[in-house]
Amino acid sequence: MSLPTDAVTALQAFQAIGGWEQRARLLMQWGERLSALPEADKVDANLVQGCESLVWLVGHLQDGHWQFAASSEARLIRGLVALLLARVNGLSAAELQTVDLPDWFAQLGLSRQLSPSRSNGLNAVLQRMRELSCTQH
């Protein structure tokens, strides 16, 4: 399966740098690129369950491909969510089911920085995306 353009961009950027400090800086930059969600979308119905940090997620189907938007108060989580969005935006519902989260963050060189709680939180976000994609065709 080919990667969305943003995912390729992310991979090239993260694979081009060494050390964790540079990756952490890049991670924060990705988080800053995340468009702010309108306050109207920051409602309990859009809150992802299973995250220690508050993460809101909305998604819509456009020509058979999913586009998600998300927001979080936590800077590090915002960066990780931005990278997850880069990986999944533009996928079909079927492709969304096959996304391998640990593999994606391993490719980015970020798996060591994913604590179990962060990993669980990101899995919860991906799970919520899959639920949305199954309920809206």
N, C-alpha and C. Protein backbone atom coordinates (compact mmCIF):
# COMPACT_ATOMS: atom_id res chain seq x y z
N MET A 1 0.85 -1.18 0.00
CA MET A 1 0.00 0.00 0.00
C MET A 1 0.89 1.24 0.00
N SER A 2 0.60 2.16 -0.88
CA SER A 2 1.41 3.38 -0.92
C SER A 2 0.99 4.34 0.18
N LEU A 3 1.93 5.12 0.65
CA LEU A 3 1.67 6.06 1.73
C LEU A 3 1.10 7.37 1.19
N PRO A 4 0.23 8.02 1.99
CA PRO A 4 -0.23 9.36 1.61
C PRO A 4 0.98 10.30 1.52
N THR A 5 0.85 11.36 0.72
CA THR A 5 1.94 12.32 0.51
C THR A 5 2.51 12.88 1.81
N ASP A 6 1.62 13.26 2.74
CA ASP A 6 2.09 13.81 4.02
C ASP A 6 2.90 12.80 4.80
N ALA A 7 2.53 11.53 4.70
CA ALA A 7 3.26 10.48 5.40
C ALA A 7 4.67 10.32 4.83
N VAL A 8 4.78 10.40 3.51
CA VAL A 8 6.09 10.31 2.85
C VAL A 8 6.96 11.49 3.30
N THR A 9 6.36 12.68 3.33
CA THR A 9 7.06 13.89 3.78
C THR A 9 7.57 13.70 5.21
N ALA A 10 6.71 13.19 6.08
CA ALA A 10 7.09 12.96 7.48
C ALA A 10 8.23 11.97 7.59
N LEU A 11 8.12 10.86 6.86
CA LEU A 11 9.16 9.83 6.90
C LEU A 11 10.51 10.40 6.46
N GLN A 12 10.50 11.14 5.35
CA GLN A 12 11.75 11.71 4.85
C GLN A 12 12.36 12.67 5.86
N ALA A 13 11.51 13.49 6.48
CA ALA A 13 12.00 14.47 7.46
C ALA A 13 12.60 13.78 8.68
N PHE A 14 11.89 12.79 9.21
CA PHE A 14 12.36 12.13 10.43
C PHE A 14 13.55 11.22 10.18
N GLN A 15 13.60 10.60 9.01
CA GLN A 15 14.71 9.70 8.71
C GLN A 15 15.98 10.46 8.36
N ALA A 16 15.83 11.74 8.03
CA ALA A 16 16.99 12.55 7.65
C ALA A 16 17.75 13.06 8.87
N ILE A 17 17.17 12.94 10.06
CA ILE A 17 17.85 13.46 11.24
C ILE A 17 18.20 12.35 12.22
N GLY A 18 19.24 12.62 12.97
CA GLY A 18 19.67 11.65 13.98
C GLY A 18 19.01 11.98 15.31
N GLY A 19 19.77 11.98 16.34
CA GLY A 19 19.41 12.26 17.72
C GLY A 19 17.98 12.58 18.12
N TRP A 20 17.66 12.19 19.34
CA TRP A 20 16.32 12.36 19.86
C TRP A 20 15.95 13.84 20.00
N GLU A 21 16.91 14.70 20.36
CA GLU A 21 16.58 16.13 20.55
C GLU A 21 16.05 16.73 19.25
N GLN A 22 16.69 16.42 18.13
CA GLN A 22 16.23 16.94 16.84
C GLN A 22 14.86 16.37 16.47
N ARG A 23 14.68 15.09 16.78
CA ARG A 23 13.37 14.46 16.49
C ARG A 23 12.29 15.09 17.35
N ALA A 24 12.61 15.35 18.61
CA ALA A 24 11.63 15.96 19.52
C ALA A 24 11.23 17.34 19.01
N ARG A 25 12.21 18.11 18.54
CA ARG A 25 11.93 19.44 17.99
C ARG A 25 11.03 19.32 16.76
N LEU A 26 11.36 18.38 15.89
CA LEU A 26 10.57 18.16 14.68
C LEU A 26 9.15 17.72 15.04
N LEU A 27 9.04 16.88 16.06
CA LEU A 27 7.74 16.41 16.53
C LEU A 27 6.87 17.59 16.98
N MET A 28 7.46 18.50 17.72
CA MET A 28 6.75 19.69 18.19
C MET A 28 6.31 20.56 16.98
N GLN A 29 7.20 20.66 15.98
CA GLN A 29 6.87 21.45 14.79
C GLN A 29 5.67 20.85 14.06
N TRP A 30 5.63 19.52 13.99
CA TRP A 30 4.49 18.86 13.35
C TRP A 30 3.21 19.17 14.13
N GLY A 31 3.33 19.18 15.44
CA GLY A 31 2.17 19.49 16.28
C GLY A 31 1.67 20.90 16.05
N GLU A 32 2.61 21.84 15.83
CA GLU A 32 2.23 23.23 15.60
C GLU A 32 1.54 23.41 14.25
N ARG A 33 1.81 22.50 13.33
CA ARG A 33 1.18 22.58 12.00
C ARG A 33 -0.27 22.10 12.01
N LEU A 34 -0.64 21.44 13.08
CA LEU A 34 -2.00 20.92 13.20
C LEU A 34 -2.98 22.08 13.25
N SER A 35 -3.92 22.11 12.34
CA SER A 35 -4.92 23.19 12.35
C SER A 35 -5.74 23.11 13.63
N ALA A 36 -6.04 24.26 14.18
CA ALA A 36 -6.85 24.29 15.40
C ALA A 36 -8.26 23.85 15.08
N LEU A 37 -8.82 23.03 15.95
CA LEU A 37 -10.22 22.63 15.78
C LEU A 37 -11.11 23.77 16.25
N PRO A 38 -12.20 24.02 15.56
CA PRO A 38 -13.14 25.02 16.06
C PRO A 38 -13.65 24.61 17.44
N GLU A 39 -13.90 25.59 18.29
CA GLU A 39 -14.40 25.30 19.65
C GLU A 39 -15.65 24.43 19.58
N ALA A 40 -16.46 24.62 18.55
CA ALA A 40 -17.71 23.85 18.41
C ALA A 40 -17.44 22.35 18.29
N ASP A 41 -16.24 21.98 17.81
CA ASP A 41 -15.89 20.56 17.68
C ASP A 41 -15.28 19.99 18.96
N LYS A 42 -14.92 20.87 19.89
CA LYS A 42 -14.32 20.40 21.15
C LYS A 42 -15.42 20.08 22.15
N VAL A 43 -16.19 19.07 21.81
CA VAL A 43 -17.30 18.62 22.65
C VAL A 43 -17.04 17.18 23.08
N ASP A 44 -17.74 16.77 24.13
CA ASP A 44 -17.54 15.42 24.66
C ASP A 44 -17.71 14.32 23.62
N ALA A 45 -18.64 14.54 22.68
CA ALA A 45 -18.91 13.53 21.65
C ALA A 45 -17.67 13.27 20.78
N ASN A 46 -16.79 14.27 20.66
CA ASN A 46 -15.59 14.14 19.83
C ASN A 46 -14.34 13.82 20.64
N LEU A 47 -14.50 13.68 21.94
CA LEU A 47 -13.36 13.37 22.81
C LEU A 47 -13.02 11.89 22.68
N VAL A 48 -11.76 11.58 22.46
CA VAL A 48 -11.33 10.19 22.32
C VAL A 48 -11.19 9.58 23.71
N GLN A 49 -11.89 8.49 23.94
CA GLN A 49 -11.81 7.78 25.22
C GLN A 49 -10.52 6.94 25.23
N GLY A 50 -9.85 6.86 26.37
CA GLY A 50 -8.66 6.02 26.46
C GLY A 50 -7.36 6.80 26.36
N CYS A 51 -7.45 8.13 26.24
CA CYS A 51 -6.26 8.98 26.20
C CYS A 51 -6.11 9.66 27.56
N GLU A 52 -4.87 9.69 28.07
CA GLU A 52 -4.63 10.43 29.31
C GLU A 52 -4.77 11.92 29.06
N SER A 53 -4.32 12.37 27.89
CA SER A 53 -4.47 13.78 27.51
C SER A 53 -5.80 13.93 26.78
N LEU A 54 -6.33 15.14 26.78
CA LEU A 54 -7.56 15.38 26.04
C LEU A 54 -7.24 15.42 24.55
N VAL A 55 -7.91 14.58 23.78
CA VAL A 55 -7.76 14.58 22.33
C VAL A 55 -9.16 14.57 21.72
N TRP A 56 -9.41 15.57 20.87
CA TRP A 56 -10.67 15.63 20.14
C TRP A 56 -10.41 15.20 18.71
N LEU A 57 -11.36 14.48 18.14
CA LEU A 57 -11.19 13.96 16.79
C LEU A 57 -12.50 14.09 16.01
N VAL A 58 -12.40 14.63 14.81
CA VAL A 58 -13.53 14.66 13.89
C VAL A 58 -13.07 14.11 12.55
N GLY A 59 -13.99 13.52 11.82
CA GLY A 59 -13.63 12.97 10.52
C GLY A 59 -14.78 13.07 9.56
N HIS A 60 -14.46 13.17 8.30
CA HIS A 60 -15.51 13.14 7.27
C HIS A 60 -15.00 12.43 6.03
N LEU A 61 -15.95 11.83 5.35
CA LEU A 61 -15.66 11.07 4.14
C LEU A 61 -15.79 11.99 2.94
N GLN A 62 -14.75 11.98 2.11
CA GLN A 62 -14.74 12.85 0.94
C GLN A 62 -14.31 12.01 -0.27
N ASP A 63 -15.22 11.79 -1.18
CA ASP A 63 -14.94 10.98 -2.38
C ASP A 63 -14.33 9.62 -2.03
N GLY A 64 -14.88 8.98 -1.00
CA GLY A 64 -14.40 7.64 -0.63
C GLY A 64 -13.14 7.63 0.20
N HIS A 65 -12.62 8.81 0.55
CA HIS A 65 -11.39 8.89 1.34
C HIS A 65 -11.65 9.69 2.61
N TRP A 66 -11.04 9.24 3.69
CA TRP A 66 -11.26 9.87 4.99
C TRP A 66 -10.32 11.03 5.23
N GLN A 67 -10.85 12.10 5.80
CA GLN A 67 -10.06 13.25 6.23
C GLN A 67 -10.38 13.47 7.71
N PHE A 68 -9.36 13.44 8.53
CA PHE A 68 -9.56 13.63 9.96
C PHE A 68 -8.89 14.93 10.41
N ALA A 69 -9.44 15.48 11.46
CA ALA A 69 -8.82 16.63 12.12
C ALA A 69 -8.85 16.32 13.61
N ALA A 70 -7.83 16.75 14.31
CA ALA A 70 -7.75 16.46 15.73
C ALA A 70 -7.04 17.59 16.45
N SER A 71 -7.22 17.60 17.75
CA SER A 71 -6.56 18.61 18.56
C SER A 71 -6.28 18.03 19.93
N SER A 72 -5.23 18.53 20.55
CA SER A 72 -4.90 18.12 21.92
C SER A 72 -4.25 19.30 22.62
N GLU A 73 -4.44 19.35 23.92
CA GLU A 73 -3.82 20.41 24.72
C GLU A 73 -2.33 20.13 24.92
N ALA A 74 -1.96 18.86 24.91
CA ALA A 74 -0.58 18.47 25.20
C ALA A 74 0.28 18.56 23.94
N ARG A 75 1.40 19.30 24.02
CA ARG A 75 2.24 19.55 22.83
C ARG A 75 2.78 18.27 22.20
N LEU A 76 3.30 17.39 23.03
CA LEU A 76 3.89 16.16 22.51
C LEU A 76 2.82 15.30 21.83
N ILE A 77 1.68 15.20 22.49
CA ILE A 77 0.57 14.42 21.92
C ILE A 77 0.10 15.04 20.61
N ARG A 78 0.04 16.37 20.57
CA ARG A 78 -0.37 17.05 19.35
C ARG A 78 0.56 16.65 18.19
N GLY A 79 1.86 16.60 18.46
CA GLY A 79 2.83 16.18 17.45
C GLY A 79 2.61 14.75 16.99
N LEU A 80 2.39 13.86 17.95
CA LEU A 80 2.17 12.45 17.61
C LEU A 80 0.87 12.28 16.83
N VAL A 81 -0.17 13.01 17.24
CA VAL A 81 -1.45 12.94 16.53
C VAL A 81 -1.30 13.51 15.12
N ALA A 82 -0.53 14.58 14.98
CA ALA A 82 -0.30 15.16 13.65
C ALA A 82 0.36 14.13 12.73
N LEU A 83 1.30 13.35 13.27
CA LEU A 83 1.97 12.32 12.47
C LEU A 83 1.02 11.17 12.15
N LEU A 84 0.12 10.88 13.08
CA LEU A 84 -0.89 9.85 12.81
C LEU A 84 -1.82 10.33 11.70
N LEU A 85 -2.23 11.60 11.75
CA LEU A 85 -3.10 12.16 10.70
C LEU A 85 -2.39 12.12 9.34
N ALA A 86 -1.09 12.42 9.35
CA ALA A 86 -0.33 12.38 8.09
C ALA A 86 -0.40 10.98 7.49
N ARG A 87 -0.39 9.98 8.35
CA ARG A 87 -0.40 8.59 7.91
C ARG A 87 -1.77 8.13 7.40
N VAL A 88 -2.85 8.67 7.98
CA VAL A 88 -4.18 8.12 7.66
C VAL A 88 -5.04 9.00 6.76
N ASN A 89 -4.79 10.31 6.72
CA ASN A 89 -5.67 11.16 5.91
C ASN A 89 -5.58 10.79 4.44
N GLY A 90 -6.74 10.63 3.82
CA GLY A 90 -6.78 10.26 2.42
C GLY A 90 -6.97 8.77 2.19
N LEU A 91 -7.01 7.99 3.28
CA LEU A 91 -7.20 6.54 3.13
C LEU A 91 -8.68 6.21 3.03
N SER A 92 -8.96 5.07 2.43
CA SER A 92 -10.33 4.55 2.41
C SER A 92 -10.57 3.86 3.76
N ALA A 93 -11.83 3.54 4.03
CA ALA A 93 -12.17 2.83 5.28
C ALA A 93 -11.41 1.51 5.37
N ALA A 94 -11.31 0.80 4.25
CA ALA A 94 -10.62 -0.50 4.24
C ALA A 94 -9.13 -0.33 4.54
N GLU A 95 -8.51 0.70 3.94
CA GLU A 95 -7.08 0.94 4.17
C GLU A 95 -6.83 1.34 5.63
N LEU A 96 -7.78 2.07 6.19
CA LEU A 96 -7.68 2.52 7.57
C LEU A 96 -7.58 1.34 8.54
N GLN A 97 -8.27 0.25 8.19
CA GLN A 97 -8.27 -0.94 9.04
C GLN A 97 -6.90 -1.62 9.08
N THR A 98 -6.07 -1.36 8.08
CA THR A 98 -4.78 -2.07 7.99
C THR A 98 -3.60 -1.26 8.49
N VAL A 99 -3.84 -0.03 8.97
CA VAL A 99 -2.73 0.80 9.44
C VAL A 99 -2.07 0.15 10.66
N ASP A 100 -0.76 0.02 10.60
CA ASP A 100 0.02 -0.58 11.68
C ASP A 100 0.71 0.54 12.45
N LEU A 101 0.11 0.92 13.56
CA LEU A 101 0.60 2.07 14.33
C LEU A 101 2.03 1.88 14.84
N PRO A 102 2.35 0.75 15.51
CA PRO A 102 3.73 0.57 16.00
C PRO A 102 4.76 0.63 14.87
N ASP A 103 4.40 0.05 13.72
CA ASP A 103 5.31 0.04 12.58
C ASP A 103 5.53 1.47 12.07
N TRP A 104 4.47 2.27 12.01
CA TRP A 104 4.57 3.64 11.52
C TRP A 104 5.51 4.46 12.40
N PHE A 105 5.32 4.38 13.72
CA PHE A 105 6.19 5.16 14.61
C PHE A 105 7.60 4.60 14.67
N ALA A 106 7.76 3.30 14.41
CA ALA A 106 9.10 2.71 14.32
C ALA A 106 9.82 3.27 13.09
N GLN A 107 9.10 3.37 11.97
CA GLN A 107 9.70 3.92 10.75
C GLN A 107 10.16 5.37 10.97
N LEU A 108 9.40 6.09 11.78
CA LEU A 108 9.73 7.49 12.07
C LEU A 108 10.87 7.60 13.10
N GLY A 109 11.21 6.48 13.71
CA GLY A 109 12.26 6.49 14.73
C GLY A 109 11.76 7.03 16.06
N LEU A 110 10.46 6.91 16.30
CA LEU A 110 9.87 7.46 17.52
C LEU A 110 9.34 6.40 18.48
N SER A 111 9.48 5.13 18.13
CA SER A 111 8.85 4.10 18.97
C SER A 111 9.41 4.06 20.39
N ARG A 112 10.70 4.37 20.56
CA ARG A 112 11.28 4.35 21.91
C ARG A 112 10.65 5.42 22.80
N GLN A 113 10.16 6.50 22.18
CA GLN A 113 9.60 7.60 22.94
C GLN A 113 8.11 7.39 23.24
N LEU A 114 7.55 6.32 22.71
CA LEU A 114 6.13 6.05 22.97
C LEU A 114 6.00 5.24 24.25
N SER A 115 5.69 5.92 25.33
CA SER A 115 5.45 5.22 26.59
C SER A 115 4.18 4.38 26.40
N PRO A 116 3.98 3.37 27.24
CA PRO A 116 2.76 2.56 27.10
C PRO A 116 1.48 3.40 27.12
N SER A 117 1.43 4.43 27.96
CA SER A 117 0.20 5.23 28.01
C SER A 117 0.02 6.05 26.73
N ARG A 118 1.12 6.58 26.18
CA ARG A 118 1.01 7.33 24.91
C ARG A 118 0.62 6.39 23.78
N SER A 119 1.23 5.22 23.79
CA SER A 119 0.92 4.23 22.77
C SER A 119 -0.55 3.82 22.84
N ASN A 120 -1.05 3.60 24.05
CA ASN A 120 -2.46 3.26 24.24
C ASN A 120 -3.36 4.39 23.76
N GLY A 121 -2.96 5.62 24.07
CA GLY A 121 -3.74 6.79 23.65
C GLY A 121 -3.83 6.90 22.14
N LEU A 122 -2.69 6.71 21.47
CA LEU A 122 -2.68 6.79 20.00
C LEU A 122 -3.48 5.64 19.39
N ASN A 123 -3.40 4.47 20.02
CA ASN A 123 -4.22 3.35 19.56
C ASN A 123 -5.70 3.67 19.71
N ALA A 124 -6.04 4.38 20.79
CA ALA A 124 -7.44 4.78 21.01
C ALA A 124 -7.89 5.75 19.92
N VAL A 125 -6.98 6.66 19.53
CA VAL A 125 -7.31 7.61 18.45
C VAL A 125 -7.55 6.85 17.14
N LEU A 126 -6.64 5.93 16.82
CA LEU A 126 -6.78 5.14 15.59
C LEU A 126 -8.06 4.30 15.63
N GLN A 127 -8.35 3.72 16.79
CA GLN A 127 -9.56 2.92 16.96
C GLN A 127 -10.81 3.77 16.71
N ARG A 128 -10.78 4.99 17.22
CA ARG A 128 -11.91 5.92 17.03
C ARG A 128 -12.06 6.26 15.54
N MET A 129 -10.95 6.44 14.84
CA MET A 129 -11.00 6.70 13.40
C MET A 129 -11.67 5.53 12.68
N ARG A 130 -11.29 4.32 13.10
CA ARG A 130 -11.85 3.13 12.46
C ARG A 130 -13.36 3.04 12.74
N GLU A 131 -13.74 3.37 13.98
CA GLU A 131 -15.18 3.35 14.32
C GLU A 131 -15.94 4.35 13.46
N LEU A 132 -15.40 5.56 13.33
CA LEU A 132 -16.05 6.58 12.51
C LEU A 132 -16.18 6.10 11.07
N SER A 133 -15.14 5.46 10.56
CA SER A 133 -15.15 5.03 9.16
C SER A 133 -16.15 3.89 8.93
N CYS A 134 -16.46 3.14 9.99
CA CYS A 134 -17.42 2.05 9.85
C CYS A 134 -18.86 2.52 9.97
N THR A 135 -19.06 3.63 10.69
CA THR A 135 -20.43 4.10 10.90
C THR A 135 -20.91 5.01 9.78
N GLN A 136 -19.98 5.63 9.06
CA GLN A 136 -20.35 6.54 7.98
C GLN A 136 -19.79 6.03 6.66
N HIS A 137 -20.65 5.63 5.79
CA HIS A 137 -20.17 5.14 4.49
C HIS A 137 -20.49 6.13 3.41
